[in-house]
Amino acid sequence: MAQITYDEVNLMLRLYDLRREPRLREARAWFVEHYHAATAEEVMQKYPQGGQENTSIRMVVSYWDMVASIVNRGLINDELFFESNGEIWVVWDRMRSIVPTWRAAFKNPYLFSAIEEACARLEAWRERRAPGSTASMRQMMEQSRAKAK
């Protein structure tokens, strides 16, 4: 296990404090409970620009993409981060089928690549510790999505 620095711990605590900001907390709760879109078209139909839900999506996704950028640059030890931040994976799992369309539409192949990269490492880390857990989590997420319809 790698040595963790006080700076890494302090940054983790700061990121946790940001997650507790009331509007972001509300957006995160809504996203986890209610965001179930399979296509970019469905996102625009269900959560149009200017709506509260669209704002919540943007808040949640941009927060986790920013955090992923910090983690990807090695400013926080992966294991320290992965041990207590599974929500980033839930966000990516709900977006991963839509992101290629957004990348093409915005002509930006790097759009949300930070969250994608961090979640690929998180999945590999999780599978080393608990083989099969990612598939089980995806199955649970799909059941949740099916119930929401």
Protein backbone atom coordinates (compact mmCIF):
# COMPACT_ATOMS: atom_id res chain seq x y z
CA MET A 1 0.00 0.00 0.00
CA ALA A 2 1.39 3.38 -0.99
CA GLN A 3 2.23 6.02 1.56
CA ILE A 4 -0.52 8.65 1.68
CA THR A 5 0.43 12.27 2.26
CA TYR A 6 -1.34 14.79 4.44
CA ASP A 7 -1.90 16.88 1.32
CA GLU A 8 -3.77 13.99 -0.32
CA VAL A 9 -5.91 13.49 2.76
CA ASN A 10 -6.64 17.21 3.00
CA LEU A 11 -7.58 17.35 -0.68
CA MET A 12 -9.91 14.35 -0.20
CA LEU A 13 -11.57 16.11 2.72
CA ARG A 14 -11.92 19.32 0.68
CA LEU A 15 -13.56 17.40 -2.17
CA TYR A 16 -15.89 15.80 0.35
CA ASP A 17 -16.80 19.23 1.70
CA LEU A 18 -17.64 20.37 -1.83
CA ARG A 19 -19.95 17.35 -2.21
CA ARG A 20 -21.85 18.54 0.86
CA GLU A 21 -22.72 21.91 -0.69
CA PRO A 22 -26.55 21.94 -0.56
CA ARG A 23 -27.29 22.44 -4.27
CA LEU A 24 -24.69 19.87 -5.35
CA ARG A 25 -25.99 17.42 -2.74
CA GLU A 26 -29.51 17.91 -4.09
CA ALA A 27 -28.28 17.42 -7.68
CA ARG A 28 -26.38 14.25 -6.73
CA ALA A 29 -29.40 12.79 -4.94
CA TRP A 30 -31.64 13.54 -7.93
CA PHE A 31 -29.11 12.08 -10.39
CA VAL A 32 -28.70 8.80 -8.53
CA GLU A 33 -32.44 8.38 -8.02
CA HIS A 34 -33.93 9.75 -11.24
CA TYR A 35 -31.42 10.03 -14.09
CA HIS A 36 -32.05 7.11 -16.41
CA ALA A 37 -31.38 8.01 -20.05
CA ALA A 38 -29.93 5.60 -22.60
CA THR A 39 -29.38 8.01 -25.51
CA ALA A 40 -28.46 11.64 -26.07
CA GLU A 41 -31.89 12.14 -27.64
CA GLU A 42 -33.56 10.79 -24.51
CA VAL A 43 -31.50 13.17 -22.37
CA MET A 44 -32.73 16.15 -24.41
CA GLN A 45 -36.34 14.94 -24.32
CA LYS A 46 -36.50 14.14 -20.62
CA TYR A 47 -34.14 16.83 -19.33
CA PRO A 48 -34.20 19.81 -21.73
CA GLN A 49 -31.76 22.74 -21.60
CA GLY A 50 -32.78 25.32 -19.04
CA GLY A 51 -34.58 22.83 -16.84
CA GLN A 52 -33.66 22.04 -13.25
CA GLU A 53 -32.87 18.42 -14.13
CA ASN A 54 -30.48 19.48 -16.90
CA THR A 55 -28.74 21.78 -14.45
CA SER A 56 -28.44 18.91 -11.98
CA ILE A 57 -26.94 16.63 -14.63
CA ARG A 58 -24.36 19.25 -15.57
CA MET A 59 -23.47 19.91 -11.92
CA VAL A 60 -22.97 16.24 -11.11
CA VAL A 61 -21.08 15.32 -14.26
CA SER A 62 -18.81 18.37 -14.16
CA TYR A 63 -18.06 17.85 -10.45
CA TRP A 64 -17.02 14.22 -10.96
CA ASP A 65 -15.10 15.01 -14.17
CA MET A 66 -13.16 17.68 -12.27
CA VAL A 67 -12.44 15.25 -9.43
CA ALA A 68 -11.36 12.61 -11.94
CA SER A 69 -8.88 15.09 -13.45
CA ILE A 70 -7.35 15.59 -10.02
CA VAL A 71 -7.10 11.84 -9.40
CA ASN A 72 -5.75 11.12 -12.89
CA ARG A 73 -2.91 13.54 -12.30
CA GLY A 74 -1.83 11.62 -9.22
CA LEU A 75 -2.74 14.36 -6.75
CA ILE A 76 -4.72 11.77 -4.77
CA ASN A 77 -3.64 8.17 -4.42
CA ASP A 78 -5.96 5.91 -6.43
CA GLU A 79 -6.56 3.45 -3.62
CA LEU A 80 -7.34 6.21 -1.13
CA PHE A 81 -9.81 7.70 -3.58
CA PHE A 82 -11.39 4.43 -4.74
CA GLU A 83 -12.00 3.17 -1.22
CA SER A 84 -14.61 5.83 -0.55
CA ASN A 85 -15.82 7.26 -3.86
CA GLY A 86 -18.03 4.80 -5.69
CA GLU A 87 -20.49 7.45 -6.81
CA ILE A 88 -18.16 8.52 -9.62
CA TRP A 89 -18.60 5.05 -11.13
CA VAL A 90 -22.41 5.28 -10.92
CA VAL A 91 -22.27 8.60 -12.77
CA TRP A 92 -20.00 7.20 -15.48
CA ASP A 93 -22.07 4.03 -15.83
CA ARG A 94 -25.19 6.10 -16.46
CA MET A 95 -23.40 8.28 -19.03
CA ARG A 96 -21.09 5.90 -20.86
CA SER A 97 -23.54 5.00 -23.63
CA ILE A 98 -24.30 8.67 -24.31
CA VAL A 99 -20.80 10.15 -24.26
CA PRO A 100 -19.75 8.94 -27.76
CA THR A 101 -22.69 10.86 -29.27
CA TRP A 102 -21.77 13.99 -27.31
CA ARG A 103 -18.12 13.66 -28.33
CA ALA A 104 -19.16 13.50 -31.99
CA ALA A 105 -21.66 16.35 -31.67
CA PHE A 106 -19.16 18.66 -29.97
CA LYS A 107 -16.24 17.42 -32.10
CA ASN A 108 -14.31 16.77 -28.91
CA PRO A 109 -12.98 13.22 -28.55
CA TYR A 110 -11.74 14.09 -25.04
CA LEU A 111 -15.11 15.16 -23.61
CA PHE A 112 -15.48 13.44 -20.22
CA SER A 113 -12.30 11.44 -20.82
CA ALA A 114 -11.11 12.19 -17.28
CA ILE A 115 -14.08 10.46 -15.68
CA GLU A 116 -13.81 7.59 -18.19
CA GLU A 117 -10.11 7.07 -17.40
CA ALA A 118 -10.57 7.22 -13.64
CA CYS A 119 -13.49 4.79 -13.76
CA ALA A 120 -11.54 2.32 -15.89
CA ARG A 121 -8.86 2.28 -13.17
CA LEU A 122 -11.53 2.07 -10.46
CA GLU A 123 -13.07 -0.98 -12.17
CA ALA A 124 -9.68 -2.68 -12.47
CA TRP A 125 -8.94 -1.92 -8.80
CA ARG A 126 -12.35 -3.21 -7.72
CA GLU A 127 -12.02 -6.39 -9.82
CA ARG A 128 -8.65 -7.18 -8.22
CA ARG A 129 -10.27 -6.94 -4.80
CA ALA A 130 -13.71 -8.39 -5.60
CA PRO A 131 -13.83 -10.23 -8.94
CA GLY A 132 -17.21 -10.02 -10.63
CA SER A 133 -18.38 -7.04 -8.60
CA THR A 134 -18.49 -4.65 -11.56
CA ALA A 135 -20.76 -6.97 -13.54
CA SER A 136 -23.01 -7.35 -10.50
CA MET A 137 -23.17 -3.60 -10.03
CA ARG A 138 -24.01 -3.07 -13.71
CA GLN A 139 -26.79 -5.63 -13.41
CA MET A 140 -28.21 -3.81 -10.38
CA MET A 141 -27.99 -0.50 -12.24
CA GLU A 142 -29.86 -2.00 -15.22
CA GLN A 143 -32.58 -3.30 -12.91
CA SER A 144 -32.88 0.16 -11.38
CA ARG A 145 -33.18 1.70 -14.84
CA ALA A 146 -35.83 -0.83 -15.87
CA LYS A 147 -37.85 -0.07 -12.72
CA ALA A 148 -37.67 3.66 -13.44
CA LYS A 149 -39.34 3.17 -16.82
